[in-house]
Amino acid sequence: MEAEGSSMLLRHSSECINKGDKKVFTKEVEDAIVNHKYIADF
């Protein structure tokens, strides 16, 4: 987190994250972040 409140996502290390009994796919997370209405792309 930067001082002004921004963050930068650089890369992910795997295609799937195991969270308990759920599998979270990094591409789905990335798509949700990129398409969120409060995320600006500079």
PDB file of N, CA and C in Angstrom:
ATOM      1  N   MET A   1       0.851  -1.165   0.000  1.00  0.00           N
ATOM      2  CA  MET A   1       0.000   0.000   0.000  1.00  0.00           C
ATOM      3  C   MET A   1       0.896   1.227   0.000  1.00  0.00           C
ATOM      4  N   GLU A   2       0.656   2.108  -0.940  1.00  0.00           N
ATOM      5  CA  GLU A   2       1.399   3.353  -1.052  1.00  0.00           C
ATOM      6  C   GLU A   2       0.839   4.372  -0.065  1.00  0.00           C
ATOM      7  N   ALA A   3       1.584   5.418   0.183  1.00  0.00           N
ATOM      8  CA  ALA A   3       1.188   6.449   1.150  1.00  0.00           C
ATOM      9  C   ALA A   3      -0.155   7.085   0.801  1.00  0.00           C
ATOM     10  N   GLU A   4      -0.419   7.270  -0.492  1.00  0.00           N
ATOM     11  CA  GLU A   4      -1.675   7.907  -0.901  1.00  0.00           C
ATOM     12  C   GLU A   4      -2.845   6.931  -0.975  1.00  0.00           C
ATOM     13  N   GLY A   5      -2.619   5.684  -0.584  1.00  0.00           N
ATOM     14  CA  GLY A   5      -3.689   4.695  -0.533  1.00  0.00           C
ATOM     15  C   GLY A   5      -3.792   3.814  -1.763  1.00  0.00           C
ATOM     16  N   SER A   6      -2.845   3.920  -2.677  1.00  0.00           N
ATOM     17  CA  SER A   6      -2.898   3.084  -3.872  1.00  0.00           C
ATOM     18  C   SER A   6      -2.060   1.835  -3.690  1.00  0.00           C
ATOM     19  N   SER A   7      -2.362   0.832  -4.489  1.00  0.00           N
ATOM     20  CA  SER A   7      -1.621  -0.432  -4.484  1.00  0.00           C
ATOM     21  C   SER A   7      -1.319  -0.822  -5.912  1.00  0.00           C
ATOM     22  N   MET A   8      -0.288  -1.640  -6.080  1.00  0.00           N
ATOM     23  CA  MET A   8       0.040  -2.143  -7.408  1.00  0.00           C
ATOM     24  C   MET A   8       0.194  -3.649  -7.334  1.00  0.00           C
ATOM     25  N   LEU A   9      -0.534  -4.342  -8.180  1.00  0.00           N
ATOM     26  CA  LEU A   9      -0.447  -5.793  -8.280  1.00  0.00           C
ATOM     27  C   LEU A   9       0.564  -6.116  -9.361  1.00  0.00           C
ATOM     28  N   LEU A  10       1.656  -6.765  -8.982  1.00  0.00           N
ATOM     29  CA  LEU A  10       2.735  -7.011  -9.918  1.00  0.00           C
ATOM     30  C   LEU A  10       2.584  -8.332 -10.649  1.00  0.00           C
ATOM     31  N   ARG A  11       2.425  -9.426  -9.934  1.00  0.00           N
ATOM     32  CA  ARG A  11       2.263 -10.730 -10.554  1.00  0.00           C
ATOM     33  C   ARG A  11       1.780 -11.709  -9.497  1.00  0.00           C
ATOM     34  N   HIS A  12       1.333 -12.870  -9.942  1.00  0.00           N
ATOM     35  CA  HIS A  12       0.931 -13.921  -9.018  1.00  0.00           C
ATOM     36  C   HIS A  12       1.842 -15.117  -9.236  1.00  0.00           C
ATOM     37  N   SER A  13       2.063 -15.867  -8.172  1.00  0.00           N
ATOM     38  CA  SER A  13       3.024 -16.965  -8.250  1.00  0.00           C
ATOM     39  C   SER A  13       2.395 -18.303  -8.641  1.00  0.00           C
ATOM     40  N   SER A  14       1.096 -18.427  -8.531  1.00  0.00           N
ATOM     41  CA  SER A  14       0.453 -19.671  -8.927  1.00  0.00           C
ATOM     42  C   SER A  14      -0.915 -19.364  -9.531  1.00  0.00           C
ATOM     43  N   GLU A  15      -1.485 -20.329 -10.206  1.00  0.00           N
ATOM     44  CA  GLU A  15      -2.785 -20.162 -10.848  1.00  0.00           C
ATOM     45  C   GLU A  15      -3.949 -20.410  -9.898  1.00  0.00           C
ATOM     46  N   CYS A  16      -3.675 -21.108  -8.778  1.00  0.00           N
ATOM     47  CA  CYS A  16      -4.737 -21.468  -7.850  1.00  0.00           C
ATOM     48  C   CYS A  16      -4.235 -21.348  -6.419  1.00  0.00           C
ATOM     49  N   ILE A  17      -5.064 -20.764  -5.568  1.00  0.00           N
ATOM     50  CA  ILE A  17      -4.752 -20.642  -4.149  1.00  0.00           C
ATOM     51  C   ILE A  17      -5.743 -21.525  -3.400  1.00  0.00           C
ATOM     52  N   ASN A  18      -5.252 -22.415  -2.566  1.00  0.00           N
ATOM     53  CA  ASN A  18      -6.121 -23.249  -1.740  1.00  0.00           C
ATOM     54  C   ASN A  18      -6.403 -22.510  -0.449  1.00  0.00           C
ATOM     55  N   LYS A  19      -7.668 -22.204  -0.207  1.00  0.00           N
ATOM     56  CA  LYS A  19      -8.102 -21.467   0.980  1.00  0.00           C
ATOM     57  C   LYS A  19      -9.124 -22.332   1.706  1.00  0.00           C
ATOM     58  N   GLY A  20      -8.638 -23.076   2.693  1.00  0.00           N
ATOM     59  CA  GLY A  20      -9.517 -24.022   3.369  1.00  0.00           C
ATOM     60  C   GLY A  20      -9.931 -25.113   2.399  1.00  0.00           C
ATOM     61  N   ASP A  21     -11.232 -25.317   2.266  1.00  0.00           N
ATOM     62  CA  ASP A  21     -11.707 -26.330   1.323  1.00  0.00           C
ATOM     63  C   ASP A  21     -12.089 -25.721  -0.029  1.00  0.00           C
ATOM     64  N   LYS A  22     -11.756 -24.465  -0.246  1.00  0.00           N
ATOM     65  CA  LYS A  22     -12.065 -23.760  -1.489  1.00  0.00           C
ATOM     66  C   LYS A  22     -10.812 -23.549  -2.326  1.00  0.00           C
ATOM     67  N   LYS A  23     -10.988 -23.492  -3.625  1.00  0.00           N
ATOM     68  CA  LYS A  23      -9.910 -23.144  -4.548  1.00  0.00           C
ATOM     69  C   LYS A  23     -10.225 -21.772  -5.123  1.00  0.00           C
ATOM     70  N   VAL A  24      -9.276 -20.866  -4.996  1.00  0.00           N
ATOM     71  CA  VAL A  24      -9.433 -19.515  -5.519  1.00  0.00           C
ATOM     72  C   VAL A  24      -8.468 -19.366  -6.684  1.00  0.00           C
ATOM     73  N   PHE A  25      -9.006 -19.091  -7.855  1.00  0.00           N
ATOM     74  CA  PHE A  25      -8.172 -18.957  -9.041  1.00  0.00           C
ATOM     75  C   PHE A  25      -7.750 -17.500  -9.199  1.00  0.00           C
ATOM     76  N   THR A  26      -6.450 -17.297  -9.337  1.00  0.00           N
ATOM     77  CA  THR A  26      -5.903 -15.946  -9.361  1.00  0.00           C
ATOM     78  C   THR A  26      -6.446 -15.122 -10.528  1.00  0.00           C
ATOM     79  N   LYS A  27      -6.744 -15.737 -11.646  1.00  0.00           N
ATOM     80  CA  LYS A  27      -7.315 -15.012 -12.786  1.00  0.00           C
ATOM     81  C   LYS A  27      -8.686 -14.447 -12.433  1.00  0.00           C
ATOM     82  N   GLU A  28      -9.490 -15.172 -11.670  1.00  0.00           N
ATOM     83  CA  GLU A  28     -10.802 -14.679 -11.255  1.00  0.00           C
ATOM     84  C   GLU A  28     -10.662 -13.487 -10.315  1.00  0.00           C
ATOM     85  N   VAL A  29      -9.690 -13.549  -9.413  1.00  0.00           N
ATOM     86  CA  VAL A  29      -9.445 -12.434  -8.490  1.00  0.00           C
ATOM     87  C   VAL A  29      -8.967 -11.215  -9.272  1.00  0.00           C
ATOM     88  N   GLU A  30      -8.029 -11.438 -10.182  1.00  0.00           N
ATOM     89  CA  GLU A  30      -7.505 -10.348 -11.010  1.00  0.00           C
ATOM     90  C   GLU A  30      -8.621  -9.692 -11.815  1.00  0.00           C
ATOM     91  N   ASP A  31      -9.483 -10.480 -12.437  1.00  0.00           N
ATOM     92  CA  ASP A  31     -10.597  -9.942 -13.218  1.00  0.00           C
ATOM     93  C   ASP A  31     -11.557  -9.136 -12.348  1.00  0.00           C
ATOM     94  N   ALA A  32     -11.838  -9.618 -11.153  1.00  0.00           N
ATOM     95  CA  ALA A  32     -12.738  -8.905 -10.246  1.00  0.00           C
ATOM     96  C   ALA A  32     -12.146  -7.558  -9.832  1.00  0.00           C
ATOM     97  N   ILE A  33     -10.842  -7.536  -9.579  1.00  0.00           N
ATOM     98  CA  ILE A  33     -10.187  -6.283  -9.192  1.00  0.00           C
ATOM     99  C   ILE A  33     -10.176  -5.303 -10.364  1.00  0.00           C
ATOM    100  N   VAL A  34      -9.757  -5.774 -11.525  1.00  0.00           N
ATOM    101  CA  VAL A  34      -9.640  -4.903 -12.695  1.00  0.00           C
ATOM    102  C   VAL A  34     -10.992  -4.324 -13.096  1.00  0.00           C
ATOM    103  N   ASN A  35     -12.046  -5.079 -12.952  1.00  0.00           N
ATOM    104  CA  ASN A  35     -13.376  -4.630 -13.382  1.00  0.00           C
ATOM    105  C   ASN A  35     -14.148  -3.910 -12.298  1.00  0.00           C
ATOM    106  N   HIS A  36     -13.578  -3.728 -11.113  1.00  0.00           N
ATOM    107  CA  HIS A  36     -14.284  -3.037 -10.030  1.00  0.00           C
ATOM    108  C   HIS A  36     -14.401  -1.557 -10.343  1.00  0.00           C
ATOM    109  N   LYS A  37     -15.545  -0.962 -10.037  1.00  0.00           N
ATOM    110  CA  LYS A  37     -15.786   0.433 -10.413  1.00  0.00           C
ATOM    111  C   LYS A  37     -14.898   1.440  -9.685  1.00  0.00           C
ATOM    112  N   TYR A  38     -14.291   1.079  -8.574  1.00  0.00           N
ATOM    113  CA  TYR A  38     -13.442   2.007  -7.848  1.00  0.00           C
ATOM    114  C   TYR A  38     -11.944   1.822  -8.144  1.00  0.00           C
ATOM    115  N   ILE A  39     -11.619   0.968  -9.097  1.00  0.00           N
ATOM    116  CA  ILE A  39     -10.232   0.731  -9.474  1.00  0.00           C
ATOM    117  C   ILE A  39      -9.917   1.566 -10.711  1.00  0.00           C
ATOM    118  N   ALA A  40      -8.858   2.367 -10.611  1.00  0.00           N
ATOM    119  CA  ALA A  40      -8.437   3.192 -11.740  1.00  0.00           C
ATOM    120  C   ALA A  40      -7.208   2.566 -12.378  1.00  0.00           C
ATOM    121  N   ASP A  41      -7.168   2.594 -13.688  1.00  0.00           N
ATOM    122  CA  ASP A  41      -6.024   2.058 -14.424  1.00  0.00           C
ATOM    123  C   ASP A  41      -5.261   3.244 -15.003  1.00  0.00           C
ATOM    124  N   PHE A  42      -4.042   3.408 -14.580  1.00  0.00           N
ATOM    125  CA  PHE A  42      -3.244   4.551 -15.053  1.00  0.00           C
ATOM    126  C   PHE A  42      -2.264   4.117 -16.070  1.00  0.00           C
TER     127      PHE A  42
END
